[in-house]
Amino acid sequence: MAQPRILILGAPGAGKGTQSAKITAEFDVDHVTTGDALRANKDMDISDMDTEYDTPRAYMEQGELVPDEVVNAIVDEALSQASGFVLDGYPRNLEQAEELEGMTNLDIVLYLDVSEEELINRLTGRRLDPETDEIYHLEYNPPEDPEVEERLVQRDDDTEETVKERLRVFRENTEPVIDYYEEQGDLERVDGEQAPDEVWEDVQATIEDAS
């Protein structure tokens, strides 16, 4: 498929970033994430919207959540500039999924299916090297240097309590999105618990089969 329009869904820790990077390289498409789109369009004029501020930058500088209607407009702008894309991190809820329908016609919706037990194991096992900002994993990617291993720290985002809360929010907000695409017959499930290379083989084959 030449420059497909792909939506990738999955819980935190499912591997969306890893697989999106491979899709971007293999299929010559843009990787569109909500965060990148916001940063690229932070000075976008939104004065015509009934919002508190006139630019996304103002929300970001105040540390406030950017309203859905602004996020929708920014994602729409990012997608309109891409011949093909893998969209990652949007839609986060059913309302955004319905908005997305009016922005573009998706070629495929991928869902990286990973059990909650495995997600917790992946996320709580992450460790940060405070000197280099490198991320390691105690089981899957430990550092070879014992000195590095000794100085690793766990980020607040990766504690079990925080991880469980992040997964609860995902279930509450985004699982209805998964159901929405499944009911439409557009969802392609990929076993995300395999090794990353095996996941990629399935992702690539699924995209090519959709062409």
C-alpha atoms as a PDB file:
ATOM      1  CA  MET A   1       0.000   0.000   0.000  1.00  0.00           C
ATOM      2  CA  ALA A   2       1.516   3.324  -1.084  1.00  0.00           C
ATOM      3  CA  GLN A   3       1.519   5.808   1.784  1.00  0.00           C
ATOM      4  CA  PRO A   4      -1.369   4.329   3.777  1.00  0.00           C
ATOM      5  CA  ARG A   5      -3.421   6.214   6.376  1.00  0.00           C
ATOM      6  CA  ILE A   6      -3.065   4.202   9.556  1.00  0.00           C
ATOM      7  CA  LEU A   7      -4.443   4.602  13.056  1.00  0.00           C
ATOM      8  CA  ILE A   8      -2.553   2.688  15.755  1.00  0.00           C
ATOM      9  CA  LEU A   9      -4.212   2.024  19.113  1.00  0.00           C
ATOM     10  CA  GLY A  10      -2.939   0.415  22.287  1.00  0.00           C
ATOM     11  CA  ALA A  11      -2.564   0.958  26.011  1.00  0.00           C
ATOM     12  CA  PRO A  12       0.492   2.641  27.554  1.00  0.00           C
ATOM     13  CA  GLY A  13       3.363   0.169  27.208  1.00  0.00           C
ATOM     14  CA  ALA A  14       1.830  -1.708  24.261  1.00  0.00           C
ATOM     15  CA  GLY A  15       4.641  -0.653  21.912  1.00  0.00           C
ATOM     16  CA  LYS A  16       2.903   1.934  19.735  1.00  0.00           C
ATOM     17  CA  GLY A  17       5.994   4.148  19.516  1.00  0.00           C
ATOM     18  CA  THR A  18       8.275   1.285  18.469  1.00  0.00           C
ATOM     19  CA  GLN A  19       5.891   0.018  15.804  1.00  0.00           C
ATOM     20  CA  SER A  20       5.002   3.512  14.565  1.00  0.00           C
ATOM     21  CA  ALA A  21       8.688   4.225  13.915  1.00  0.00           C
ATOM     22  CA  LYS A  22       8.963   1.036  11.847  1.00  0.00           C
ATOM     23  CA  ILE A  23       5.781   1.873   9.911  1.00  0.00           C
ATOM     24  CA  THR A  24       7.093   5.374   9.194  1.00  0.00           C
ATOM     25  CA  ALA A  25      10.338   3.997   7.774  1.00  0.00           C
ATOM     26  CA  GLU A  26       8.831   1.101   5.810  1.00  0.00           C
ATOM     27  CA  PHE A  27       5.840   2.866   4.245  1.00  0.00           C
ATOM     28  CA  ASP A  28       7.255   6.411   3.914  1.00  0.00           C
ATOM     29  CA  VAL A  29       4.504   8.071   5.964  1.00  0.00           C
ATOM     30  CA  ASP A  30       4.445  10.747   8.653  1.00  0.00           C
ATOM     31  CA  HIS A  31       4.245   9.802  12.346  1.00  0.00           C
ATOM     32  CA  VAL A  32       1.518  12.078  13.683  1.00  0.00           C
ATOM     33  CA  THR A  33       1.200  12.248  17.470  1.00  0.00           C
ATOM     34  CA  THR A  34      -0.959  14.624  19.468  1.00  0.00           C
ATOM     35  CA  GLY A  35       2.069  15.943  21.359  1.00  0.00           C
ATOM     36  CA  ASP A  36       4.107  16.618  18.209  1.00  0.00           C
ATOM     37  CA  ALA A  37       1.107  18.181  16.460  1.00  0.00           C
ATOM     38  CA  LEU A  38       0.517  20.475  19.430  1.00  0.00           C
ATOM     39  CA  ARG A  39       4.150  21.543  19.573  1.00  0.00           C
ATOM     40  CA  ALA A  40       4.255  22.159  15.816  1.00  0.00           C
ATOM     41  CA  ASN A  41       1.082  24.263  15.907  1.00  0.00           C
ATOM     42  CA  LYS A  42       1.337  25.878  19.325  1.00  0.00           C
ATOM     43  CA  ASP A  43       0.948  29.360  17.841  1.00  0.00           C
ATOM     44  CA  MET A  44      -2.066  28.436  15.706  1.00  0.00           C
ATOM     45  CA  ASP A  45      -4.740  31.157  15.799  1.00  0.00           C
ATOM     46  CA  ILE A  46      -7.776  29.721  17.594  1.00  0.00           C
ATOM     47  CA  SER A  47      -9.376  33.090  18.358  1.00  0.00           C
ATOM     48  CA  ASP A  48     -12.431  32.091  16.297  1.00  0.00           C
ATOM     49  CA  MET A  49     -13.167  29.328  18.811  1.00  0.00           C
ATOM     50  CA  ASP A  50     -15.030  29.967  22.031  1.00  0.00           C
ATOM     51  CA  THR A  51     -11.972  29.164  24.157  1.00  0.00           C
ATOM     52  CA  GLU A  52     -10.191  30.830  27.063  1.00  0.00           C
ATOM     53  CA  TYR A  53      -6.979  31.526  25.120  1.00  0.00           C
ATOM     54  CA  ASP A  54      -6.203  32.455  21.514  1.00  0.00           C
ATOM     55  CA  THR A  55      -3.358  29.952  20.961  1.00  0.00           C
ATOM     56  CA  PRO A  56      -2.561  26.403  22.158  1.00  0.00           C
ATOM     57  CA  ARG A  57       0.745  27.791  23.507  1.00  0.00           C
ATOM     58  CA  ALA A  58      -1.148  29.722  26.180  1.00  0.00           C
ATOM     59  CA  TYR A  59      -2.745  26.529  27.508  1.00  0.00           C
ATOM     60  CA  MET A  60       0.599  24.731  27.475  1.00  0.00           C
ATOM     61  CA  GLU A  61       2.414  27.548  29.281  1.00  0.00           C
ATOM     62  CA  GLN A  62      -0.302  27.624  31.949  1.00  0.00           C
ATOM     63  CA  GLY A  63       0.006  23.855  32.355  1.00  0.00           C
ATOM     64  CA  GLU A  64      -3.661  23.434  31.434  1.00  0.00           C
ATOM     65  CA  LEU A  65      -5.202  20.726  29.280  1.00  0.00           C
ATOM     66  CA  VAL A  66      -5.777  21.874  25.717  1.00  0.00           C
ATOM     67  CA  PRO A  67      -9.551  21.583  25.001  1.00  0.00           C
ATOM     68  CA  ASP A  68     -10.740  18.778  22.739  1.00  0.00           C
ATOM     69  CA  GLU A  69     -11.963  21.162  20.055  1.00  0.00           C
ATOM     70  CA  VAL A  70      -8.483  22.699  19.793  1.00  0.00           C
ATOM     71  CA  VAL A  71      -6.782  19.270  19.708  1.00  0.00           C
ATOM     72  CA  ASN A  72      -9.234  18.224  16.975  1.00  0.00           C
ATOM     73  CA  ALA A  73      -8.349  21.283  14.868  1.00  0.00           C
ATOM     74  CA  ILE A  74      -4.613  20.694  15.295  1.00  0.00           C
ATOM     75  CA  VAL A  75      -4.817  17.000  14.382  1.00  0.00           C
ATOM     76  CA  ASP A  76      -6.963  17.913  11.361  1.00  0.00           C
ATOM     77  CA  GLU A  77      -4.285  20.388  10.243  1.00  0.00           C
ATOM     78  CA  ALA A  78      -1.474  17.842  10.725  1.00  0.00           C
ATOM     79  CA  LEU A  79      -3.314  15.132   8.769  1.00  0.00           C
ATOM     80  CA  SER A  80      -4.183  17.519   5.939  1.00  0.00           C
ATOM     81  CA  GLN A  81      -0.462  18.114   5.377  1.00  0.00           C
ATOM     82  CA  ALA A  82       0.428  14.392   5.228  1.00  0.00           C
ATOM     83  CA  SER A  83       0.132  12.214   2.118  1.00  0.00           C
ATOM     84  CA  GLY A  84       0.147   9.166   4.371  1.00  0.00           C
ATOM     85  CA  PHE A  85       0.473   8.800   8.132  1.00  0.00           C
ATOM     86  CA  VAL A  86       0.430   6.641  11.210  1.00  0.00           C
ATOM     87  CA  LEU A  87      -1.691   8.423  13.810  1.00  0.00           C
ATOM     88  CA  ASP A  88      -0.656   7.672  17.392  1.00  0.00           C
ATOM     89  CA  GLY A  89      -2.257   9.049  20.577  1.00  0.00           C
ATOM     90  CA  TYR A  90      -5.515  10.205  18.987  1.00  0.00           C
ATOM     91  CA  PRO A  91      -8.441   9.626  19.284  1.00  0.00           C
ATOM     92  CA  ARG A  92      -8.429   9.220  23.062  1.00  0.00           C
ATOM     93  CA  ASN A  93     -12.206   9.085  23.422  1.00  0.00           C
ATOM     94  CA  LEU A  94     -15.338   8.332  21.414  1.00  0.00           C
ATOM     95  CA  GLU A  95     -16.040  11.980  20.649  1.00  0.00           C
ATOM     96  CA  GLN A  96     -12.596  12.370  19.073  1.00  0.00           C
ATOM     97  CA  ALA A  97     -13.115   9.149  17.080  1.00  0.00           C
ATOM     98  CA  GLU A  98     -16.288  10.617  15.614  1.00  0.00           C
ATOM     99  CA  GLU A  99     -14.431  13.864  14.809  1.00  0.00           C
ATOM    100  CA  LEU A 100     -11.691  11.887  13.069  1.00  0.00           C
ATOM    101  CA  GLU A 101     -14.235  10.423  10.650  1.00  0.00           C
ATOM    102  CA  GLY A 102     -14.798  13.900   9.246  1.00  0.00           C
ATOM    103  CA  MET A 103     -11.058  14.591   8.857  1.00  0.00           C
ATOM    104  CA  THR A 104      -9.841  11.607   6.824  1.00  0.00           C
ATOM    105  CA  ASN A 105     -10.610   8.137   5.512  1.00  0.00           C
ATOM    106  CA  LEU A 106      -8.469   5.593   7.339  1.00  0.00           C
ATOM    107  CA  ASP A 107      -7.073   2.625   5.429  1.00  0.00           C
ATOM    108  CA  ILE A 108      -6.528   0.510   8.530  1.00  0.00           C
ATOM    109  CA  VAL A 109      -6.954   0.623  12.314  1.00  0.00           C
ATOM    110  CA  LEU A 110      -4.335  -1.419  14.189  1.00  0.00           C
ATOM    111  CA  TYR A 111      -4.760  -2.426  17.830  1.00  0.00           C
ATOM    112  CA  LEU A 112      -1.748  -3.771  19.727  1.00  0.00           C
ATOM    113  CA  ASP A 113      -3.390  -6.222  22.114  1.00  0.00           C
ATOM    114  CA  VAL A 114      -1.465  -6.700  25.376  1.00  0.00           C
ATOM    115  CA  SER A 115      -2.773  -8.050  28.698  1.00  0.00           C
ATOM    116  CA  GLU A 116      -2.881  -5.758  31.705  1.00  0.00           C
ATOM    117  CA  GLU A 117      -0.472  -8.022  33.611  1.00  0.00           C
ATOM    118  CA  GLU A 118       2.125  -7.714  30.841  1.00  0.00           C
ATOM    119  CA  LEU A 119       1.597  -3.936  30.546  1.00  0.00           C
ATOM    120  CA  ILE A 120       2.204  -3.503  34.278  1.00  0.00           C
ATOM    121  CA  ASN A 121       5.343  -5.648  34.034  1.00  0.00           C
ATOM    122  CA  ARG A 122       6.670  -3.612  31.106  1.00  0.00           C
ATOM    123  CA  LEU A 123       5.977  -0.210  32.630  1.00  0.00           C
ATOM    124  CA  THR A 124       7.027  -0.863  36.230  1.00  0.00           C
ATOM    125  CA  GLY A 125      10.261  -2.503  35.014  1.00  0.00           C
ATOM    126  CA  ARG A 126      11.461   0.674  33.297  1.00  0.00           C
ATOM    127  CA  ARG A 127      14.413   2.490  34.843  1.00  0.00           C
ATOM    128  CA  LEU A 128      16.071   5.817  34.036  1.00  0.00           C
ATOM    129  CA  ASP A 129      19.797   6.565  34.038  1.00  0.00           C
ATOM    130  CA  PRO A 130      19.749  10.114  35.502  1.00  0.00           C
ATOM    131  CA  GLU A 131      23.166  10.906  34.012  1.00  0.00           C
ATOM    132  CA  THR A 132      22.330  10.070  30.383  1.00  0.00           C
ATOM    133  CA  ASP A 133      18.487  10.022  30.364  1.00  0.00           C
ATOM    134  CA  GLU A 134      18.698   6.560  28.767  1.00  0.00           C
ATOM    135  CA  ILE A 135      15.744   4.279  29.530  1.00  0.00           C
ATOM    136  CA  TYR A 136      16.412   0.644  30.444  1.00  0.00           C
ATOM    137  CA  HIS A 137      14.228  -2.266  31.513  1.00  0.00           C
ATOM    138  CA  LEU A 138      15.204  -4.559  34.359  1.00  0.00           C
ATOM    139  CA  GLU A 139      14.052  -7.681  32.458  1.00  0.00           C
ATOM    140  CA  TYR A 140      14.094  -6.849  28.747  1.00  0.00           C
ATOM    141  CA  ASN A 141      16.907  -4.326  28.391  1.00  0.00           C
ATOM    142  CA  PRO A 142      19.194  -4.152  31.455  1.00  0.00           C
ATOM    143  CA  PRO A 143      22.420  -2.123  31.222  1.00  0.00           C
ATOM    144  CA  GLU A 144      25.625  -4.075  30.674  1.00  0.00           C
ATOM    145  CA  ASP A 145      27.671  -1.774  32.909  1.00  0.00           C
ATOM    146  CA  PRO A 146      27.218  -2.527  36.670  1.00  0.00           C
ATOM    147  CA  GLU A 147      27.914   1.144  37.493  1.00  0.00           C
ATOM    148  CA  VAL A 148      25.018   2.220  35.296  1.00  0.00           C
ATOM    149  CA  GLU A 149      22.778  -0.396  36.887  1.00  0.00           C
ATOM    150  CA  GLU A 150      23.543   0.946  40.366  1.00  0.00           C
ATOM    151  CA  ARG A 151      22.464   4.505  39.547  1.00  0.00           C
ATOM    152  CA  LEU A 152      19.200   3.632  37.784  1.00  0.00           C
ATOM    153  CA  VAL A 153      16.039   5.157  39.240  1.00  0.00           C
ATOM    154  CA  GLN A 154      12.351   4.521  38.732  1.00  0.00           C
ATOM    155  CA  ARG A 155      10.383   7.485  37.412  1.00  0.00           C
ATOM    156  CA  ASP A 156       7.204   8.501  39.226  1.00  0.00           C
ATOM    157  CA  ASP A 157       5.230   7.640  36.067  1.00  0.00           C
ATOM    158  CA  ASP A 158       6.443   4.039  36.276  1.00  0.00           C
ATOM    159  CA  THR A 159       5.455   3.136  39.840  1.00  0.00           C
ATOM    160  CA  GLU A 160       2.822   0.403  40.098  1.00  0.00           C
ATOM    161  CA  GLU A 161       0.226   2.765  41.597  1.00  0.00           C
ATOM    162  CA  THR A 162       0.675   5.311  38.781  1.00  0.00           C
ATOM    163  CA  VAL A 163       0.743   2.638  36.080  1.00  0.00           C
ATOM    164  CA  LYS A 164      -2.512   1.089  37.309  1.00  0.00           C
ATOM    165  CA  GLU A 165      -4.148   4.524  37.283  1.00  0.00           C
ATOM    166  CA  ARG A 166      -2.911   5.216  33.727  1.00  0.00           C
ATOM    167  CA  LEU A 167      -4.346   1.883  32.591  1.00  0.00           C
ATOM    168  CA  ARG A 168      -7.642   2.611  34.363  1.00  0.00           C
ATOM    169  CA  VAL A 169      -7.915   5.933  32.499  1.00  0.00           C
ATOM    170  CA  PHE A 170      -7.089   4.161  29.235  1.00  0.00           C
ATOM    171  CA  ARG A 171      -9.805   1.563  29.808  1.00  0.00           C
ATOM    172  CA  GLU A 172     -12.364   4.206  30.724  1.00  0.00           C
ATOM    173  CA  ASN A 173     -11.663   6.587  27.825  1.00  0.00           C
ATOM    174  CA  THR A 174     -10.125   4.605  24.981  1.00  0.00           C
ATOM    175  CA  GLU A 175     -11.626   1.116  25.179  1.00  0.00           C
ATOM    176  CA  PRO A 176     -14.927   2.513  23.809  1.00  0.00           C
ATOM    177  CA  VAL A 177     -12.865   3.721  20.802  1.00  0.00           C
ATOM    178  CA  ILE A 178     -11.577   0.163  20.254  1.00  0.00           C
ATOM    179  CA  ASP A 179     -15.144  -1.158  20.459  1.00  0.00           C
ATOM    180  CA  TYR A 180     -16.281   1.560  18.031  1.00  0.00           C
ATOM    181  CA  TYR A 181     -13.839   0.496  15.312  1.00  0.00           C
ATOM    182  CA  GLU A 182     -14.417  -3.199  15.991  1.00  0.00           C
ATOM    183  CA  GLU A 183     -18.181  -2.781  15.556  1.00  0.00           C
ATOM    184  CA  GLN A 184     -17.510  -1.055  12.226  1.00  0.00           C
ATOM    185  CA  GLY A 185     -15.354  -3.997  11.134  1.00  0.00           C
ATOM    186  CA  ASP A 186     -12.285  -1.772  10.747  1.00  0.00           C
ATOM    187  CA  LEU A 187     -10.169  -3.028  13.666  1.00  0.00           C
ATOM    188  CA  GLU A 188      -7.209  -5.330  13.086  1.00  0.00           C
ATOM    189  CA  ARG A 189      -5.878  -6.894  16.290  1.00  0.00           C
ATOM    190  CA  VAL A 190      -2.174  -7.699  16.559  1.00  0.00           C
ATOM    191  CA  ASP A 191      -0.722  -9.786  19.394  1.00  0.00           C
ATOM    192  CA  GLY A 192       1.460  -7.186  21.108  1.00  0.00           C
ATOM    193  CA  GLU A 193       2.894  -9.651  23.631  1.00  0.00           C
ATOM    194  CA  GLN A 194       5.289 -11.149  21.095  1.00  0.00           C
ATOM    195  CA  ALA A 195       8.890  -9.990  20.689  1.00  0.00           C
ATOM    196  CA  PRO A 196       9.027  -6.552  18.965  1.00  0.00           C
ATOM    197  CA  ASP A 197      10.338  -8.064  15.700  1.00  0.00           C
ATOM    198  CA  GLU A 198       7.515 -10.614  15.640  1.00  0.00           C
ATOM    199  CA  VAL A 199       4.958  -7.880  16.339  1.00  0.00           C
ATOM    200  CA  TRP A 200       6.437  -5.914  13.431  1.00  0.00           C
ATOM    201  CA  GLU A 201       6.114  -8.915  11.084  1.00  0.00           C
ATOM    202  CA  ASP A 202       2.403  -9.111  11.918  1.00  0.00           C
ATOM    203  CA  VAL A 203       1.917  -5.337  11.675  1.00  0.00           C
ATOM    204  CA  GLN A 204       3.622  -5.174   8.280  1.00  0.00           C
ATOM    205  CA  ALA A 205       1.669  -8.147   6.925  1.00  0.00           C
ATOM    206  CA  THR A 206      -1.626  -6.701   8.203  1.00  0.00           C
ATOM    207  CA  ILE A 207      -0.987  -3.356   6.497  1.00  0.00           C
ATOM    208  CA  GLU A 208       0.055  -5.013   3.235  1.00  0.00           C
ATOM    209  CA  ASP A 209      -3.003  -7.305   3.311  1.00  0.00           C
ATOM    210  CA  ALA A 210      -5.248  -4.244   3.602  1.00  0.00           C
ATOM    211  CA  SER A 211      -3.921  -2.810   0.326  1.00  0.00           C
END
